[in-house]
Amino acid sequence: MTPEQEQWLIRAVQELQAAQQEMRLVQQNQQLLIQELREGQAMLAQFFREALDRFDERTRAIERRTEALERRTEALERRTDEMAAEMREMRQEIRDLRRDFLERR
């Protein structure tokens, strides 16, 4: 082997070793990025789970209030119907009293 070939071979091996070292660093960086991504995904998933839990609890609270308001509304509607019936009865009694009064005169 000539000295030029030997030098070329030494430089090629050195460049290859440098490239391999750079590749290892890139792979290490990729592993770090993958780990950070996984941690970020886990944090994001936890955030969404907590947000959904809060949303579910708020939804259940709204449903409970809505059901309570529906029961109250139904009770008020029944009472309104009862009062309307009482008013009809009272008006009928007033008409009857007027009729009786006019008949006695």
PDB file of N, CA and C in Angstrom:
ATOM      1  N   MET A   1       0.860  -1.157   0.000  1.00  0.00           N
ATOM      2  CA  MET A   1       0.000   0.000   0.000  1.00  0.00           C
ATOM      3  C   MET A   1       0.915   1.231   0.000  1.00  0.00           C
ATOM      4  N   THR A   2       0.543   2.197  -0.805  1.00  0.00           N
ATOM      5  CA  THR A   2       1.353   3.413  -0.916  1.00  0.00           C
ATOM      6  C   THR A   2       1.056   4.312   0.266  1.00  0.00           C
ATOM      7  N   PRO A   3       1.972   5.230   0.574  1.00  0.00           N
ATOM      8  CA  PRO A   3       1.705   6.161   1.679  1.00  0.00           C
ATOM      9  C   PRO A   3       0.447   7.000   1.435  1.00  0.00           C
ATOM     10  N   GLU A   4       0.174   7.370   0.196  1.00  0.00           N
ATOM     11  CA  GLU A   4      -1.047   8.136  -0.095  1.00  0.00           C
ATOM     12  C   GLU A   4      -2.298   7.307   0.183  1.00  0.00           C
ATOM     13  N   GLN A   5      -2.250   6.073  -0.201  1.00  0.00           N
ATOM     14  CA  GLN A   5      -3.399   5.178   0.046  1.00  0.00           C
ATOM     15  C   GLN A   5      -3.594   4.963   1.550  1.00  0.00           C
ATOM     16  N   GLU A   6      -2.447   4.816   2.245  1.00  0.00           N
ATOM     17  CA  GLU A   6      -2.521   4.633   3.698  1.00  0.00           C
ATOM     18  C   GLU A   6      -3.123   5.868   4.366  1.00  0.00           C
ATOM     19  N   GLN A   7      -2.701   7.049   3.945  1.00  0.00           N
ATOM     20  CA  GLN A   7      -3.250   8.288   4.486  1.00  0.00           C
ATOM     21  C   GLN A   7      -4.746   8.408   4.160  1.00  0.00           C
ATOM     22  N   TRP A   8      -5.071   8.069   2.923  1.00  0.00           N
ATOM     23  CA  TRP A   8      -6.480   8.130   2.522  1.00  0.00           C
ATOM     24  C   TRP A   8      -7.309   7.172   3.367  1.00  0.00           C
ATOM     25  N   LEU A   9      -6.781   5.968   3.600  1.00  0.00           N
ATOM     26  CA  LEU A   9      -7.485   4.970   4.409  1.00  0.00           C
ATOM     27  C   LEU A   9      -7.628   5.455   5.851  1.00  0.00           C
ATOM     28  N   ILE A  10      -6.580   6.058   6.394  1.00  0.00           N
ATOM     29  CA  ILE A  10      -6.645   6.574   7.776  1.00  0.00           C
ATOM     30  C   ILE A  10      -7.700   7.674   7.863  1.00  0.00           C
ATOM     31  N   ARG A  11      -7.688   8.588   6.892  1.00  0.00           N
ATOM     32  CA  ARG A  11      -8.698   9.670   6.891  1.00  0.00           C
ATOM     33  C   ARG A  11     -10.112   9.103   6.737  1.00  0.00           C
ATOM     34  N   ALA A  12     -10.286   8.127   5.911  1.00  0.00           N
ATOM     35  CA  ALA A  12     -11.602   7.516   5.698  1.00  0.00           C
ATOM     36  C   ALA A  12     -12.088   6.852   6.981  1.00  0.00           C
ATOM     37  N   VAL A  13     -11.193   6.149   7.682  1.00  0.00           N
ATOM     38  CA  VAL A  13     -11.572   5.502   8.943  1.00  0.00           C
ATOM     39  C   VAL A  13     -11.928   6.564   9.981  1.00  0.00           C
ATOM     40  N   GLN A  14     -11.120   7.639  10.046  1.00  0.00           N
ATOM     41  CA  GLN A  14     -11.393   8.715  11.004  1.00  0.00           C
ATOM     42  C   GLN A  14     -12.743   9.379  10.710  1.00  0.00           C
ATOM     43  N   GLU A  15     -12.998   9.619   9.442  1.00  0.00           N
ATOM     44  CA  GLU A  15     -14.285  10.229   9.058  1.00  0.00           C
ATOM     45  C   GLU A  15     -15.442   9.291   9.396  1.00  0.00           C
ATOM     46  N   LEU A  16     -15.223   8.018   9.157  1.00  0.00           N
ATOM     47  CA  LEU A  16     -16.258   7.041   9.484  1.00  0.00           C
ATOM     48  C   LEU A  16     -16.509   6.994  10.987  1.00  0.00           C
ATOM     49  N   GLN A  17     -15.424   7.021  11.767  1.00  0.00           N
ATOM     50  CA  GLN A  17     -15.582   7.027  13.223  1.00  0.00           C
ATOM     51  C   GLN A  17     -16.299   8.301  13.680  1.00  0.00           C
ATOM     52  N   ALA A  18     -15.959   9.439  13.100  1.00  0.00           N
ATOM     53  CA  ALA A  18     -16.618  10.701  13.446  1.00  0.00           C
ATOM     54  C   ALA A  18     -18.108  10.637  13.077  1.00  0.00           C
ATOM     55  N   ALA A  19     -18.386  10.074  11.908  1.00  0.00           N
ATOM     56  CA  ALA A  19     -19.784   9.945  11.478  1.00  0.00           C
ATOM     57  C   ALA A  19     -20.549   9.014  12.408  1.00  0.00           C
ATOM     58  N   GLN A  20     -19.886   7.917  12.838  1.00  0.00           N
ATOM     59  CA  GLN A  20     -20.540   6.998  13.772  1.00  0.00           C
ATOM     60  C   GLN A  20     -20.815   7.690  15.104  1.00  0.00           C
ATOM     61  N   GLN A  21     -19.868   8.489  15.580  1.00  0.00           N
ATOM     62  CA  GLN A  21     -20.067   9.225  16.833  1.00  0.00           C
ATOM     63  C   GLN A  21     -21.223  10.214  16.687  1.00  0.00           C
ATOM     64  N   GLU A  22     -21.247  10.904  15.573  1.00  0.00           N
ATOM     65  CA  GLU A  22     -22.339  11.858  15.327  1.00  0.00           C
ATOM     66  C   GLU A  22     -23.675  11.123  15.253  1.00  0.00           C
ATOM     67  N   MET A  23     -23.674   9.946  14.640  1.00  0.00           N
ATOM     68  CA  MET A  23     -24.901   9.163  14.548  1.00  0.00           C
ATOM     69  C   MET A  23     -25.360   8.727  15.936  1.00  0.00           C
ATOM     70  N   ARG A  24     -24.409   8.337  16.804  1.00  0.00           N
ATOM     71  CA  ARG A  24     -24.783   7.965  18.173  1.00  0.00           C
ATOM     72  C   ARG A  24     -25.403   9.149  18.909  1.00  0.00           C
ATOM     73  N   LEU A  25     -24.825  10.340  18.719  1.00  0.00           N
ATOM     74  CA  LEU A  25     -25.389  11.537  19.348  1.00  0.00           C
ATOM     75  C   LEU A  25     -26.794  11.826  18.828  1.00  0.00           C
ATOM     76  N   VAL A  26     -26.978  11.663  17.525  1.00  0.00           N
ATOM     77  CA  VAL A  26     -28.310  11.868  16.935  1.00  0.00           C
ATOM     78  C   VAL A  26     -29.295  10.864  17.518  1.00  0.00           C
ATOM     79  N   GLN A  27     -28.862   9.611  17.643  1.00  0.00           N
ATOM     80  CA  GLN A  27     -29.740   8.584  18.208  1.00  0.00           C
ATOM     81  C   GLN A  27     -30.074   8.890  19.672  1.00  0.00           C
ATOM     82  N   GLN A  28     -29.084   9.364  20.420  1.00  0.00           N
ATOM     83  CA  GLN A  28     -29.342   9.731  21.812  1.00  0.00           C
ATOM     84  C   GLN A  28     -30.334  10.883  21.884  1.00  0.00           C
ATOM     85  N   ASN A  29     -30.150  11.868  21.009  1.00  0.00           N
ATOM     86  CA  ASN A  29     -31.083  12.996  20.969  1.00  0.00           C
ATOM     87  C   ASN A  29     -32.486  12.534  20.586  1.00  0.00           C
ATOM     88  N   GLN A  30     -32.546  11.602  19.637  1.00  0.00           N
ATOM     89  CA  GLN A  30     -33.852  11.064  19.249  1.00  0.00           C
ATOM     90  C   GLN A  30     -34.512  10.364  20.430  1.00  0.00           C
ATOM     91  N   GLN A  31     -33.742   9.588  21.175  1.00  0.00           N
ATOM     92  CA  GLN A  31     -34.289   8.892  22.334  1.00  0.00           C
ATOM     93  C   GLN A  31     -34.795   9.890  23.376  1.00  0.00           C
ATOM     94  N   LEU A  32     -34.008  10.960  23.584  1.00  0.00           N
ATOM     95  CA  LEU A  32     -34.455  11.994  24.525  1.00  0.00           C
ATOM     96  C   LEU A  32     -35.740  12.651  24.047  1.00  0.00           C
ATOM     97  N   LEU A  33     -35.791  12.960  22.759  1.00  0.00           N
ATOM     98  CA  LEU A  33     -37.002  13.587  22.208  1.00  0.00           C
ATOM     99  C   LEU A  33     -38.206  12.656  22.311  1.00  0.00           C
ATOM    100  N   ILE A  34     -37.989  11.380  22.033  1.00  0.00           N
ATOM    101  CA  ILE A  34     -39.077  10.406  22.146  1.00  0.00           C
ATOM    102  C   ILE A  34     -39.569  10.338  23.587  1.00  0.00           C
ATOM    103  N   GLN A  35     -38.632  10.322  24.528  1.00  0.00           N
ATOM    104  CA  GLN A  35     -39.010  10.282  25.949  1.00  0.00           C
ATOM    105  C   GLN A  35     -39.787  11.543  26.335  1.00  0.00           C
ATOM    106  N   GLU A  36     -39.311  12.695  25.866  1.00  0.00           N
ATOM    107  CA  GLU A  36     -40.015  13.948  26.160  1.00  0.00           C
ATOM    108  C   GLU A  36     -41.400  13.956  25.534  1.00  0.00           C
ATOM    109  N   LEU A  37     -41.502  13.433  24.323  1.00  0.00           N
ATOM    110  CA  LEU A  37     -42.816  13.345  23.676  1.00  0.00           C
ATOM    111  C   LEU A  37     -43.765  12.456  24.466  1.00  0.00           C
ATOM    112  N   ARG A  38     -43.254  11.321  24.915  1.00  0.00           N
ATOM    113  CA  ARG A  38     -44.092  10.413  25.702  1.00  0.00           C
ATOM    114  C   ARG A  38     -44.538  11.073  27.001  1.00  0.00           C
ATOM    115  N   GLU A  39     -43.610  11.764  27.652  1.00  0.00           N
ATOM    116  CA  GLU A  39     -43.973  12.467  28.886  1.00  0.00           C
ATOM    117  C   GLU A  39     -45.003  13.552  28.599  1.00  0.00           C
ATOM    118  N   GLY A  40     -44.807  14.268  27.488  1.00  0.00           N
ATOM    119  CA  GLY A  40     -45.778  15.295  27.098  1.00  0.00           C
ATOM    120  C   GLY A  40     -47.140  14.696  26.798  1.00  0.00           C
ATOM    121  N   GLN A  41     -47.145  13.564  26.104  1.00  0.00           N
ATOM    122  CA  GLN A  41     -48.412  12.894  25.809  1.00  0.00           C
ATOM    123  C   GLN A  41     -49.097  12.452  27.094  1.00  0.00           C
ATOM    124  N   ALA A  42     -48.310  11.928  28.036  1.00  0.00           N
ATOM    125  CA  ALA A  42     -48.894  11.490  29.308  1.00  0.00           C
ATOM    126  C   ALA A  42     -49.472  12.680  30.066  1.00  0.00           C
ATOM    127  N   MET A  43     -48.738  13.803  30.057  1.00  0.00           N
ATOM    128  CA  MET A  43     -49.243  14.998  30.743  1.00  0.00           C
ATOM    129  C   MET A  43     -50.512  15.506  30.078  1.00  0.00           C
ATOM    130  N   LEU A  44     -50.513  15.507  28.756  1.00  0.00           N
ATOM    131  CA  LEU A  44     -51.685  15.959  28.016  1.00  0.00           C
ATOM    132  C   LEU A  44     -52.878  15.040  28.264  1.00  0.00           C
ATOM    133  N   ALA A  45     -52.627  13.748  28.272  1.00  0.00           N
ATOM    134  CA  ALA A  45     -53.706  12.784  28.544  1.00  0.00           C
ATOM    135  C   ALA A  45     -54.263  13.010  29.951  1.00  0.00           C
ATOM    136  N   GLN A  46     -53.388  13.230  30.921  1.00  0.00           N
ATOM    137  CA  GLN A  46     -53.836  13.492  32.293  1.00  0.00           C
ATOM    138  C   GLN A  46     -54.656  14.777  32.346  1.00  0.00           C
ATOM    139  N   PHE A  47     -54.184  15.812  31.653  1.00  0.00           N
ATOM    140  CA  PHE A  47     -54.919  17.075  31.611  1.00  0.00           C
ATOM    141  C   PHE A  47     -56.323  16.861  31.054  1.00  0.00           C
ATOM    142  N   PHE A  48     -56.412  16.114  29.931  1.00  0.00           N
ATOM    143  CA  PHE A  48     -57.723  15.887  29.330  1.00  0.00           C
ATOM    144  C   PHE A  48     -58.610  15.029  30.218  1.00  0.00           C
ATOM    145  N   ARG A  49     -58.019  14.021  30.889  1.00  0.00           N
ATOM    146  CA  ARG A  49     -58.829  13.211  31.810  1.00  0.00           C
ATOM    147  C   ARG A  49     -59.403  14.091  32.917  1.00  0.00           C
ATOM    148  N   GLU A  50     -58.553  14.958  33.487  1.00  0.00           N
ATOM    149  CA  GLU A  50     -59.024  15.831  34.557  1.00  0.00           C
ATOM    150  C   GLU A  50     -60.065  16.813  34.041  1.00  0.00           C
ATOM    151  N   ALA A  51     -59.837  17.350  32.853  1.00  0.00           N
ATOM    152  CA  ALA A  51     -60.805  18.281  32.262  1.00  0.00           C
ATOM    153  C   ALA A  51     -62.135  17.575  32.011  1.00  0.00           C
ATOM    154  N   LEU A  52     -62.087  16.348  31.503  1.00  0.00           N
ATOM    155  CA  LEU A  52     -63.325  15.596  31.268  1.00  0.00           C
ATOM    156  C   LEU A  52     -64.026  15.263  32.578  1.00  0.00           C
ATOM    157  N   ASP A  53     -63.246  14.955  33.611  1.00  0.00           N
ATOM    158  CA  ASP A  53     -63.847  14.691  34.922  1.00  0.00           C
ATOM    159  C   ASP A  53     -64.563  15.934  35.442  1.00  0.00           C
ATOM    160  N   ARG A  54     -63.893  17.090  35.319  1.00  0.00           N
ATOM    161  CA  ARG A  54     -64.535  18.342  35.755  1.00  0.00           C
ATOM    162  C   ARG A  54     -65.785  18.620  34.930  1.00  0.00           C
ATOM    163  N   PHE A  55     -65.688  18.398  33.613  1.00  0.00           N
ATOM    164  CA  PHE A  55     -66.832  18.608  32.743  1.00  0.00           C
ATOM    165  C   PHE A  55     -67.978  17.682  33.130  1.00  0.00           C
ATOM    166  N   ASP A  56     -67.653  16.406  33.370  1.00  0.00           N
ATOM    167  CA  ASP A  56     -68.681  15.444  33.774  1.00  0.00           C
ATOM    168  C   ASP A  56     -69.338  15.860  35.083  1.00  0.00           C
ATOM    169  N   GLU A  57     -68.543  16.303  36.047  1.00  0.00           N
ATOM    170  CA  GLU A  57     -69.102  16.719  37.331  1.00  0.00           C
ATOM    171  C   GLU A  57     -70.006  17.944  37.156  1.00  0.00           C
ATOM    172  N   ARG A  58     -69.548  18.891  36.358  1.00  0.00           N
ATOM    173  CA  ARG A  58     -70.389  20.077  36.097  1.00  0.00           C
ATOM    174  C   ARG A  58     -71.670  19.685  35.383  1.00  0.00           C
ATOM    175  N   THR A  59     -71.547  18.765  34.435  1.00  0.00           N
ATOM    176  CA  THR A  59     -72.730  18.302  33.706  1.00  0.00           C
ATOM    177  C   THR A  59     -73.705  17.624  34.657  1.00  0.00           C
ATOM    178  N   ARG A  60     -73.177  16.784  35.553  1.00  0.00           N
ATOM    179  CA  ARG A  60     -74.062  16.119  36.525  1.00  0.00           C
ATOM    180  C   ARG A  60     -74.716  17.146  37.447  1.00  0.00           C
ATOM    181  N   ALA A  61     -73.956  18.172  37.855  1.00  0.00           N
ATOM    182  CA  ALA A  61     -74.531  19.208  38.713  1.00  0.00           C
ATOM    183  C   ALA A  61     -75.639  19.957  37.976  1.00  0.00           C
ATOM    184  N   ILE A  62     -75.416  20.260  36.717  1.00  0.00           N
ATOM    185  CA  ILE A  62     -76.450  20.944  35.920  1.00  0.00           C
ATOM    186  C   ILE A  62     -77.668  20.046  35.768  1.00  0.00           C
ATOM    187  N   GLU A  63     -77.433  18.759  35.519  1.00  0.00           N
ATOM    188  CA  GLU A  63     -78.559  17.821  35.391  1.00  0.00           C
ATOM    189  C   GLU A  63     -79.354  17.754  36.689  1.00  0.00           C
ATOM    190  N   ARG A  64     -78.638  17.732  37.833  1.00  0.00           N
ATOM    191  CA  ARG A  64     -79.356  17.686  39.120  1.00  0.00           C
ATOM    192  C   ARG A  64     -80.189  18.961  39.316  1.00  0.00           C
ATOM    193  N   ARG A  65     -79.593  20.113  39.004  1.00  0.00           N
ATOM    194  CA  ARG A  65     -80.344  21.370  39.144  1.00  0.00           C
ATOM    195  C   ARG A  65     -81.524  21.406  38.183  1.00  0.00           C
ATOM    196  N   THR A  66     -81.308  20.915  36.963  1.00  0.00           N
ATOM    197  CA  THR A  66     -82.388  20.893  35.972  1.00  0.00           C
ATOM    198  C   THR A  66     -83.531  19.999  36.452  1.00  0.00           C
ATOM    199  N   GLU A  67     -83.190  18.834  36.982  1.00  0.00           N
ATOM    200  CA  GLU A  67     -84.220  17.923  37.495  1.00  0.00           C
ATOM    201  C   GLU A  67     -84.970  18.565  38.658  1.00  0.00           C
ATOM    202  N   ALA A  68     -84.241  19.242  39.540  1.00  0.00           N
ATOM    203  CA  ALA A  68     -84.895  19.914  40.666  1.00  0.00           C
ATOM    204  C   ALA A  68     -85.826  21.011  40.160  1.00  0.00           C
ATOM    205  N   LEU A  69     -85.365  21.769  39.152  1.00  0.00           N
ATOM    206  CA  LEU A  69     -86.221  22.819  38.583  1.00  0.00           C
ATOM    207  C   LEU A  69     -87.437  22.226  37.881  1.00  0.00           C
ATOM    208  N   GLU A  70     -87.248  21.099  37.225  1.00  0.00           N
ATOM    209  CA  GLU A  70     -88.395  20.441  36.580  1.00  0.00           C
ATOM    210  C   GLU A  70     -89.419  20.001  37.611  1.00  0.00           C
ATOM    211  N   ARG A  71     -88.933  19.431  38.726  1.00  0.00           N
ATOM    212  CA  ARG A  71     -89.875  19.030  39.787  1.00  0.00           C
ATOM    213  C   ARG A  71     -90.588  20.250  40.360  1.00  0.00           C
ATOM    214  N   ARG A  72     -89.836  21.326  40.572  1.00  0.00           N
ATOM    215  CA  ARG A  72     -90.436  22.560  41.118  1.00  0.00           C
ATOM    216  C   ARG A  72     -91.451  23.126  40.125  1.00  0.00           C
ATOM    217  N   THR A  73     -91.102  23.113  38.844  1.00  0.00           N
ATOM    218  CA  THR A  73     -92.018  23.616  37.815  1.00  0.00           C
ATOM    219  C   THR A  73     -93.289  22.776  37.769  1.00  0.00           C
ATOM    220  N   GLU A  74     -93.131  21.454  37.835  1.00  0.00           N
ATOM    221  CA  GLU A  74     -94.308  20.584  37.840  1.00  0.00           C
ATOM    222  C   GLU A  74     -95.184  20.858  39.055  1.00  0.00           C
ATOM    223  N   ALA A  75     -94.552  21.062  40.210  1.00  0.00           N
ATOM    224  CA  ALA A  75     -95.319  21.365  41.418  1.00  0.00           C
ATOM    225  C   ALA A  75     -96.051  22.698  41.259  1.00  0.00           C
ATOM    226  N   LEU A  76     -95.367  23.687  40.687  1.00  0.00           N
ATOM    227  CA  LEU A  76     -96.009  24.987  40.470  1.00  0.00           C
ATOM    228  C   LEU A  76     -97.146  24.878  39.458  1.00  0.00           C
ATOM    229  N   GLU A  77     -96.954  24.067  38.434  1.00  0.00           N
ATOM    230  CA  GLU A  77     -98.033  23.868  37.455  1.00  0.00           C
ATOM    231  C   GLU A  77     -99.234  23.207  38.108  1.00  0.00           C
ATOM    232  N   ARG A  78     -98.976  22.202  38.960  1.00  0.00           N
ATOM    233  CA  ARG A  78    -100.101  21.561  39.664  1.00  0.00           C
ATOM    234  C   ARG A  78    -100.812  22.577  40.564  1.00  0.00           C
ATOM    235  N   ARG A  79    -100.024  23.355  41.289  1.00  0.00           N
ATOM    236  CA  ARG A  79    -100.628  24.354  42.194  1.00  0.00           C
ATOM    237  C   ARG A  79    -101.407  25.394  41.397  1.00  0.00           C
ATOM    238  N   THR A  80    -100.875  25.788  40.232  1.00  0.00           N
ATOM    239  CA  THR A  80    -101.584  26.750  39.373  1.00  0.00           C
ATOM    240  C   THR A  80    -102.907  26.162  38.908  1.00  0.00           C
ATOM    241  N   ASP A  81    -102.883  24.891  38.517  1.00  0.00           N
ATOM    242  CA  ASP A  81    -104.118  24.222  38.099  1.00  0.00           C
ATOM    243  C   ASP A  81    -105.116  24.160  39.253  1.00  0.00           C
ATOM    244  N   GLU A  82    -104.605  23.847  40.436  1.00  0.00           N
ATOM    245  CA  GLU A  82    -105.480  23.797  41.623  1.00  0.00           C
ATOM    246  C   GLU A  82    -106.085  25.168  41.898  1.00  0.00           C
ATOM    247  N   MET A  83    -105.264  26.206  41.810  1.00  0.00           N
ATOM    248  CA  MET A  83    -105.761  27.559  42.072  1.00  0.00           C
ATOM    249  C   MET A  83    -106.781  27.974  41.017  1.00  0.00           C
ATOM    250  N   ALA A  84    -106.548  27.576  39.761  1.00  0.00           N
ATOM    251  CA  ALA A  84    -107.506  27.899  38.706  1.00  0.00           C
ATOM    252  C   ALA A  84    -108.833  27.205  38.980  1.00  0.00           C
ATOM    253  N   ALA A  85    -108.776  25.955  39.429  1.00  0.00           N
ATOM    254  CA  ALA A  85    -110.006  25.231  39.761  1.00  0.00           C
ATOM    255  C   ALA A  85    -110.714  25.912  40.928  1.00  0.00           C
ATOM    256  N   GLU A  86    -109.947  26.331  41.937  1.00  0.00           N
ATOM    257  CA  GLU A  86    -110.553  27.036  43.076  1.00  0.00           C
ATOM    258  C   GLU A  86    -111.190  28.349  42.629  1.00  0.00           C
ATOM    259  N   MET A  87    -110.505  29.055  41.705  1.00  0.00           N
ATOM    260  CA  MET A  87    -111.075  30.323  41.201  1.00  0.00           C
ATOM    261  C   MET A  87    -112.379  30.063  40.448  1.00  0.00           C
ATOM    262  N   ARG A  88    -112.413  28.989  39.662  1.00  0.00           N
ATOM    263  CA  ARG A  88    -113.659  28.662  38.951  1.00  0.00           C
ATOM    264  C   ARG A  88    -114.785  28.366  39.945  1.00  0.00           C
ATOM    265  N   GLU A  89    -114.428  27.592  40.989  1.00  0.00           N
ATOM    266  CA  GLU A  89    -115.427  27.279  42.017  1.00  0.00           C
ATOM    267  C   GLU A  89    -115.910  28.551  42.701  1.00  0.00           C
ATOM    268  N   MET A  90    -114.967  29.455  43.020  1.00  0.00           N
ATOM    269  CA  MET A  90    -115.352  30.702  43.695  1.00  0.00           C
ATOM    270  C   MET A  90    -116.244  31.558  42.794  1.00  0.00           C
ATOM    271  N   ARG A  91    -115.898  31.617  41.501  1.00  0.00           N
ATOM    272  CA  ARG A  91    -116.732  32.388  40.573  1.00  0.00           C
ATOM    273  C   ARG A  91    -118.133  31.786  40.471  1.00  0.00           C
ATOM    274  N   GLN A  92    -118.186  30.452  40.465  1.00  0.00           N
ATOM    275  CA  GLN A  92    -119.487  29.785  40.408  1.00  0.00           C
ATOM    276  C   GLN A  92    -120.290  30.093  41.667  1.00  0.00           C
ATOM    277  N   GLU A  93    -119.609  30.059  42.834  1.00  0.00           N
ATOM    278  CA  GLU A  93    -120.292  30.375  44.089  1.00  0.00           C
ATOM    279  C   GLU A  93    -120.808  31.812  44.088  1.00  0.00           C
ATOM    280  N   ILE A  94    -119.986  32.743  43.546  1.00  0.00           N
ATOM    281  CA  ILE A  94    -120.415  34.155  43.468  1.00  0.00           C
ATOM    282  C   ILE A  94    -121.630  34.274  42.557  1.00  0.00           C
ATOM    283  N   ARG A  95    -121.591  33.578  41.406  1.00  0.00           N
ATOM    284  CA  ARG A  95    -122.754  33.621  40.501  1.00  0.00           C
ATOM    285  C   ARG A  95    -124.007  33.064  41.199  1.00  0.00           C
ATOM    286  N   ASP A  96    -123.792  31.934  41.923  1.00  0.00           N
ATOM    287  CA  ASP A  96    -124.925  31.333  42.632  1.00  0.00           C
ATOM    288  C   ASP A  96    -125.473  32.284  43.694  1.00  0.00           C
ATOM    289  N   LEU A  97    -124.574  32.936  44.450  1.00  0.00           N
ATOM    290  CA  LEU A  97    -125.014  33.882  45.484  1.00  0.00           C
ATOM    291  C   LEU A  97    -125.776  35.051  44.865  1.00  0.00           C
ATOM    292  N   ARG A  98    -125.271  35.583  43.747  1.00  0.00           N
ATOM    293  CA  ARG A  98    -125.967  36.694  43.072  1.00  0.00           C
ATOM    294  C   ARG A  98    -127.351  36.254  42.614  1.00  0.00           C
ATOM    295  N   ARG A  99    -127.390  35.045  42.015  1.00  0.00           N
ATOM    296  CA  ARG A  99    -128.676  34.537  41.536  1.00  0.00           C
ATOM    297  C   ARG A  99    -129.645  34.385  42.707  1.00  0.00           C
ATOM    298  N   ASP A 100    -129.171  33.792  43.816  1.00  0.00           N
ATOM    299  CA  ASP A 100    -130.030  33.619  44.980  1.00  0.00           C
ATOM    300  C   ASP A 100    -130.479  34.960  45.530  1.00  0.00           C
ATOM    301  N   PHE A 101    -129.548  35.909  45.570  1.00  0.00           N
ATOM    302  CA  PHE A 101    -129.872  37.227  46.083  1.00  0.00           C
ATOM    303  C   PHE A 101    -130.950  37.891  45.204  1.00  0.00           C
ATOM    304  N   LEU A 102    -130.751  37.788  43.879  1.00  0.00           N
ATOM    305  CA  LEU A 102    -131.709  38.417  42.962  1.00  0.00           C
ATOM    306  C   LEU A 102    -133.069  37.709  43.009  1.00  0.00           C
ATOM    307  N   GLU A 103    -133.058  36.418  43.235  1.00  0.00           N
ATOM    308  CA  GLU A 103    -134.312  35.679  43.305  1.00  0.00           C
ATOM    309  C   GLU A 103    -135.076  36.038  44.567  1.00  0.00           C
ATOM    310  N   ARG A 104    -134.426  36.349  45.649  1.00  0.00           N
ATOM    311  CA  ARG A 104    -135.067  36.690  46.898  1.00  0.00           C
ATOM    312  C   ARG A 104    -135.610  38.098  46.882  1.00  0.00           C
ATOM    313  N   ARG A 105    -135.147  38.897  46.065  1.00  0.00           N
ATOM    314  CA  ARG A 105    -135.607  40.284  46.013  1.00  0.00           C
ATOM    315  C   ARG A 105    -136.933  40.393  45.416  1.00  0.00           C
TER     316      ARG A 105
END
